[in-house]
């Protein structure tokens, strides 16, 4: 399951790339003469200008397109004593963002599915085979700035009212995955650029991440460092 949620977070980061690339440092124009100047006096850290945060808005259609490009996507789960099998997200028909939640409507499939059941005093294994289930997945999104963690909690439900017993079995397995998952963002999108003979590394430190009004909005603080 964490693979699926990391892919959701990765889709947000991939959509950020064009904006970050345009803001990457550019090499200065060459001058005809070399001018040597005395090194400037060291200034106090409090005198340095503060870099304003960068605001990046990722609309829902862009997230849907990015996620769709990496399908089919396996959904990892811990094989329990009751259910076993492979689950895959095959397609996404709709993706909306509002109220701190990303809603994904798509189709899941299960392969080599088995279910253990108790009949009287005996345990039997029921082979469910291959299953296809249209589902709605609501992913609650919250950002913890103190720990630099993106907190994602998925909730699954069937998109249609009718369904077979096999569909109910797959849905029960998905509901067992409805818990909070943590995606660390400590090293967020490092970029590098050349200024003269120096390599400048630009890291974006997340300040806030919200899901509302049809988009995921990120407030990021650029943090630059020089490499030898």
Protein backbone atom coordinates (compact mmCIF):
# COMPACT_ATOMS: atom_id res chain seq x y z
CA UNK A 1 0.00 0.00 0.00
CA UNK A 2 2.84 2.37 0.78
CA UNK A 3 4.01 1.96 -2.84
CA UNK A 4 0.66 3.28 -4.09
CA UNK A 5 0.69 6.24 -1.69
CA UNK A 6 4.30 7.09 -2.50
CA UNK A 7 3.26 7.16 -6.15
CA UNK A 8 0.54 9.69 -5.29
CA UNK A 9 3.14 11.84 -3.51
CA UNK A 10 5.60 11.30 -6.38
CA UNK A 11 3.00 12.53 -8.84
CA UNK A 12 2.85 15.80 -6.90
CA UNK A 13 6.65 16.09 -7.00
CA UNK A 14 6.89 15.29 -10.71
CA UNK A 15 4.39 18.04 -11.49
CA UNK A 16 6.69 20.46 -9.64
CA UNK A 17 9.67 19.80 -11.92
CA UNK A 18 8.87 22.33 -14.69
CA UNK A 19 8.46 25.17 -12.19
CA UNK A 20 11.64 24.25 -10.31
CA UNK A 21 13.70 23.80 -13.47
CA UNK A 22 12.81 27.26 -14.69
CA UNK A 23 13.91 28.67 -11.35
CA UNK A 24 17.26 26.84 -11.32
CA UNK A 25 20.42 28.99 -11.24
CA UNK A 26 21.69 30.20 -14.62
CA UNK A 27 25.40 30.74 -15.40
CA UNK A 28 26.43 34.40 -15.66
CA UNK A 29 27.32 35.98 -18.99
CA UNK A 30 31.02 35.98 -19.86
CA UNK A 31 32.85 39.30 -19.62
CA UNK A 32 35.66 40.52 -21.86
CA UNK A 33 37.98 41.44 -19.00
CA UNK A 34 38.70 39.73 -15.73
CA UNK A 35 38.22 42.08 -12.82
CA UNK A 36 39.80 41.26 -9.47
CA UNK A 37 38.13 42.71 -6.42
CA UNK A 38 38.82 42.40 -2.74
CA UNK A 39 36.69 39.82 -0.92
CA UNK A 40 33.66 41.38 0.76
CA UNK A 41 33.45 41.62 4.51
CA UNK A 42 31.65 38.76 6.19
CA UNK A 43 28.08 39.70 6.94
CA UNK A 44 26.05 38.41 9.80
CA UNK A 45 23.44 35.78 9.05
CA UNK A 46 20.77 38.17 10.30
CA UNK A 47 21.80 40.70 7.61
CA UNK A 48 21.30 38.28 4.73
CA UNK A 49 18.13 38.80 2.71
CA UNK A 50 15.43 36.24 3.37
CA UNK A 51 14.38 34.11 0.43
CA UNK A 52 10.60 34.22 0.01
CA UNK A 53 8.81 30.85 -0.25
CA UNK A 54 7.76 29.44 -3.60
CA UNK A 55 4.09 28.65 -4.17
CA UNK A 56 3.34 25.72 -6.49
CA UNK A 57 -0.25 24.83 -7.45
CA UNK A 58 -0.85 21.38 -8.88
CA UNK A 59 -4.32 21.04 -10.47
CA UNK A 60 -6.18 17.74 -10.24
CA UNK A 61 -5.99 17.02 -14.03
CA UNK A 62 -2.18 17.20 -13.90
CA UNK A 63 -2.07 14.74 -11.00
CA UNK A 64 -4.44 12.36 -12.79
CA UNK A 65 -2.34 12.47 -15.95
CA UNK A 66 0.88 11.80 -14.03
CA UNK A 67 -0.59 8.90 -12.05
CA UNK A 68 -2.17 7.40 -15.17
CA UNK A 69 1.21 7.41 -16.90
CA UNK A 70 2.67 4.95 -14.33
CA UNK A 71 -0.24 2.48 -14.38
CA UNK A 72 -0.71 -0.42 -13.82
CA UNK A 73 0.41 0.10 -10.24
CA UNK A 74 0.65 -2.76 -7.71
CA UNK A 75 -0.93 -2.17 -4.32
CA UNK A 76 1.19 -3.80 -1.66
CA UNK A 77 -0.47 -5.48 1.28
CA UNK A 78 0.56 -7.80 4.07
CA UNK A 79 -0.78 -11.25 3.27
CA UNK A 80 -3.07 -12.11 6.16
CA UNK A 81 -4.38 -15.47 7.29
CA UNK A 82 -7.70 -14.65 5.62
CA UNK A 83 -6.72 -13.15 2.23
CA UNK A 84 -3.89 -13.70 -0.23
CA UNK A 85 -3.26 -12.51 -3.78
CA UNK A 86 -2.01 -9.70 -6.03
CA UNK A 87 -3.90 -6.39 -6.26
CA UNK A 88 -3.28 -3.83 -9.02
CA UNK A 89 -4.67 -0.39 -9.82
CA UNK A 90 -5.37 -0.69 -13.54
CA UNK A 91 -7.00 2.61 -14.51
CA UNK A 92 -8.12 6.01 -13.19
CA UNK A 93 -11.31 7.50 -14.61
CA UNK A 94 -11.51 10.54 -12.32
CA UNK A 95 -9.38 12.42 -9.80
CA UNK A 96 -10.64 15.33 -7.72
CA UNK A 97 -9.11 17.36 -4.89
CA UNK A 98 -11.04 19.14 -2.15
CA UNK A 99 -11.33 19.47 1.62
CA UNK A 100 -7.92 17.97 2.41
CA UNK A 101 -8.71 14.86 0.38
CA UNK A 102 -7.75 13.39 -3.00
CA UNK A 103 -10.53 11.25 -4.45
CA UNK A 104 -9.50 8.66 -7.04
CA UNK A 105 -12.14 6.72 -9.00
CA UNK A 106 -10.73 3.79 -10.92
CA UNK A 107 -10.59 0.07 -11.40
CA UNK A 108 -8.72 -2.51 -9.35
CA UNK A 109 -7.99 -6.09 -10.26
CA UNK A 110 -7.06 -9.04 -8.10
CA UNK A 111 -5.11 -12.05 -9.32
CA UNK A 112 -4.54 -15.43 -7.69
CA UNK A 113 -6.90 -14.39 -4.91
CA UNK A 114 -7.65 -16.90 -2.16
CA UNK A 115 -9.71 -16.61 1.01
CA UNK A 116 -9.58 -18.79 4.09
CA UNK A 117 -12.91 -19.53 5.75
CA UNK A 118 -14.15 -21.62 8.63
CA UNK A 119 -16.94 -24.14 8.07
CA UNK A 120 -17.91 -25.83 11.28
CA UNK A 121 -14.66 -26.93 12.89
CA UNK A 122 -12.74 -27.02 9.64
CA UNK A 123 -10.70 -24.36 7.84
CA UNK A 124 -11.02 -24.35 4.07
CA UNK A 125 -9.35 -22.29 1.35
CA UNK A 126 -11.62 -20.73 -1.28
CA UNK A 127 -9.98 -19.85 -4.59
CA UNK A 128 -11.43 -16.59 -5.91
CA UNK A 129 -9.19 -16.45 -8.98
CA UNK A 130 -9.16 -13.14 -10.87
CA UNK A 131 -11.39 -10.25 -9.80
CA UNK A 132 -12.20 -6.82 -11.21
CA UNK A 133 -13.62 -4.15 -8.91
CA UNK A 134 -14.51 -0.49 -9.70
CA UNK A 135 -13.58 1.44 -6.57
CA UNK A 136 -13.43 4.89 -5.01
CA UNK A 137 -10.29 5.65 -3.01
CA UNK A 138 -10.33 8.73 -0.78
CA UNK A 139 -6.82 9.69 0.35
CA UNK A 140 -6.77 12.11 3.29
CA UNK A 141 -3.71 14.35 3.02
CA UNK A 142 -2.01 16.14 5.91
CA UNK A 143 1.48 17.62 6.25
CA UNK A 144 3.49 17.60 9.48
CA UNK A 145 6.03 20.46 9.11
CA UNK A 146 7.86 19.65 12.34
CA UNK A 147 8.76 16.14 11.15
CA UNK A 148 8.75 16.97 7.41
CA UNK A 149 6.28 14.14 6.86
CA UNK A 150 3.41 13.83 4.40
CA UNK A 151 0.64 11.84 6.13
CA UNK A 152 -1.69 9.92 3.83
CA UNK A 153 -4.71 7.86 4.91
CA UNK A 154 -6.60 5.88 2.22
CA UNK A 155 -10.27 4.83 2.45
CA UNK A 156 -11.76 2.42 -0.11
CA UNK A 157 -15.36 1.89 -1.16
CA UNK A 158 -17.07 0.22 -4.09
CA UNK A 159 -18.18 2.65 -6.80
CA UNK A 160 -21.27 0.57 -7.65
CA UNK A 161 -23.88 -0.75 -5.25
CA UNK A 162 -24.17 -4.23 -6.73
CA UNK A 163 -21.38 -6.73 -6.32
CA UNK A 164 -20.57 -10.39 -5.86
CA UNK A 165 -19.22 -12.14 -2.79
CA UNK A 166 -15.78 -12.12 -4.42
CA UNK A 167 -15.97 -8.34 -4.78
CA UNK A 168 -16.88 -8.06 -1.12
CA UNK A 169 -13.85 -10.16 -0.21
CA UNK A 170 -11.51 -7.89 -2.19
CA UNK A 171 -13.11 -4.80 -0.69
CA UNK A 172 -12.64 -6.23 2.82
CA UNK A 173 -8.95 -6.71 2.10
CA UNK A 174 -8.66 -3.11 0.88
CA UNK A 175 -10.41 -1.79 3.98
CA UNK A 176 -7.79 -3.51 6.11
CA UNK A 177 -5.25 -1.15 4.51
CA UNK A 178 -7.10 1.97 5.71
CA UNK A 179 -4.54 3.40 8.10
CA UNK A 180 -2.16 6.36 8.17
CA UNK A 181 1.03 6.10 6.14
CA UNK A 182 4.05 8.41 6.41
CA UNK A 183 6.01 9.67 3.40
CA UNK A 184 9.23 11.48 4.44
CA UNK A 185 10.09 14.69 2.56
CA UNK A 186 13.43 15.57 4.15
CA UNK A 187 15.33 15.60 0.85
CA UNK A 188 12.74 17.24 -1.33
CA UNK A 189 13.56 17.60 -5.05
CA UNK A 190 17.28 18.54 -5.00
CA UNK A 191 18.39 20.44 -8.11
CA UNK A 192 21.90 21.41 -9.19
CA UNK A 193 23.21 24.23 -11.36
CA UNK A 194 26.55 25.62 -12.46
CA UNK A 195 27.72 29.13 -11.58
CA UNK A 196 31.22 29.63 -12.92
CA UNK A 197 33.32 26.76 -11.60
CA UNK A 198 31.01 26.14 -8.65
CA UNK A 199 28.14 23.70 -8.43
CA UNK A 200 25.13 25.06 -6.58
CA UNK A 201 22.69 22.59 -5.04
CA UNK A 202 19.14 23.85 -4.58
CA UNK A 203 16.86 22.01 -2.20
CA UNK A 204 13.19 22.82 -1.68
CA UNK A 205 12.11 22.58 1.96
CA UNK A 206 8.33 22.03 2.29
CA UNK A 207 6.60 24.56 4.53
CA UNK A 208 2.99 23.55 3.89
CA UNK A 209 1.06 21.13 1.65
CA UNK A 210 -2.72 21.36 1.27
CA UNK A 211 -5.37 19.67 -0.84
CA UNK A 212 -8.29 22.01 -1.54
CA UNK A 213 -10.25 23.77 -4.29
CA UNK A 214 -9.32 21.34 -7.04
CA UNK A 215 -5.56 21.42 -6.53
CA UNK A 216 -2.69 20.43 -4.25
CA UNK A 217 -0.87 23.57 -3.13
CA UNK A 218 2.73 23.45 -1.91
CA UNK A 219 4.62 26.24 -0.13
CA UNK A 220 8.34 25.56 -0.51
CA UNK A 221 11.42 27.32 0.83
CA UNK A 222 14.49 27.27 -1.45
CA UNK A 223 17.66 26.26 0.41
CA UNK A 224 20.86 26.65 -1.62
CA UNK A 225 24.31 25.27 -0.86
CA UNK A 226 27.66 25.34 -2.72
CA UNK A 227 29.53 22.18 -3.58
CA UNK A 228 33.28 22.12 -4.34
